[in-house]
Protein backbone atom coordinates (compact mmCIF):
# COMPACT_ATOMS: atom_id res chain seq x y z
CA MET A 1 77.82 121.79 131.75
CA SER A 2 80.25 122.66 128.99
CA ALA A 3 79.35 124.86 126.08
CA VAL A 4 80.18 123.99 122.48
CA PHE A 5 82.44 126.57 120.89
CA ARG A 6 83.02 126.60 117.15
CA ARG A 7 85.39 129.07 115.67
CA SER A 8 84.98 130.15 112.08
CA PRO A 9 88.10 129.89 109.93
CA ALA A 10 90.14 133.02 109.36
CA PRO A 11 89.27 134.83 106.14
CA GLY A 12 92.73 134.31 104.59
CA ALA A 13 93.24 130.72 105.77
CA PRO A 14 93.67 128.07 103.04
CA ARG A 15 90.91 125.50 102.78
CA LEU A 16 91.59 121.82 103.22
CA ARG A 17 91.59 119.76 100.04
CA THR A 18 88.83 117.21 100.10
CA ARG A 19 89.48 115.65 96.71
CA LEU A 20 92.26 113.18 96.02
CA PRO A 21 94.76 113.99 93.30
CA TRP A 22 94.60 111.71 90.26
CA TRP A 23 97.83 109.91 91.13
CA ALA A 24 96.57 108.92 94.58
CA ALA A 25 93.96 106.71 92.91
CA ALA A 26 96.16 105.58 90.01
CA LEU A 27 99.17 104.34 92.02
CA PRO A 28 97.39 101.44 93.80
CA VAL A 29 95.82 100.35 90.52
CA ILE A 30 99.15 100.42 88.70
CA SER A 31 100.85 98.54 91.54
CA PHE A 32 98.17 95.86 91.58
CA ILE A 33 98.38 95.37 87.81
CA ALA A 34 102.20 95.18 87.94
CA LEU A 35 102.15 92.54 90.69
CA LEU A 36 99.43 90.58 88.93
CA THR A 37 101.48 90.48 85.73
CA LEU A 38 104.53 89.31 87.65
CA VAL A 39 102.58 86.47 89.23
CA VAL A 40 100.76 85.39 86.08
CA GLY A 41 103.62 86.01 83.63
CA THR A 42 106.10 83.48 85.07
CA PRO A 43 104.76 79.98 84.37
CA GLU A 44 108.23 78.38 84.43
CA ALA A 45 108.86 79.36 88.06
CA SER A 46 108.74 76.49 90.51
CA ALA A 47 108.80 76.06 94.25
CA ALA A 48 112.03 74.04 94.11
CA SER A 49 114.03 77.01 92.89
CA ALA A 50 112.60 79.13 95.69
CA ARG A 51 113.79 76.63 98.29
CA GLN A 52 117.29 76.61 96.83
CA GLY A 53 117.38 80.39 96.93
CA LEU A 54 116.13 80.47 100.51
CA ALA A 55 118.52 77.84 101.90
CA PRO A 56 121.68 79.99 101.87
CA LEU A 57 119.84 82.82 103.58
CA LEU A 58 118.56 80.50 106.30
CA ARG A 59 122.08 79.10 106.76
CA ILE A 60 123.50 82.60 107.22
CA LEU A 61 120.76 83.52 109.70
CA ALA A 62 121.37 80.33 111.68
CA GLN A 63 125.10 81.06 111.77
CA LEU A 64 124.46 84.62 112.96
CA LEU A 65 122.14 83.41 115.71
CA HIS A 66 124.66 80.75 116.74
CA ASP A 67 127.49 83.30 116.90
CA ALA A 68 125.35 85.78 118.83
CA ALA A 69 124.50 83.14 121.45
CA TRP A 70 128.15 82.66 122.44
């Protein structure tokens, strides 16, 4: 049978921080608000422009894969 051994911390050892700093809670909130404003704030964006922007990238990737196969 094994015995449980607990060692007390050294008297001069620093204690672990158990509280979060203020910025650790604020950064996710700020990021969420920024992304939400980007999504809601662009009513003139359309899916057609996204396809046109994605087509050259897909063409380049296809060319790279084709060249790598030979």
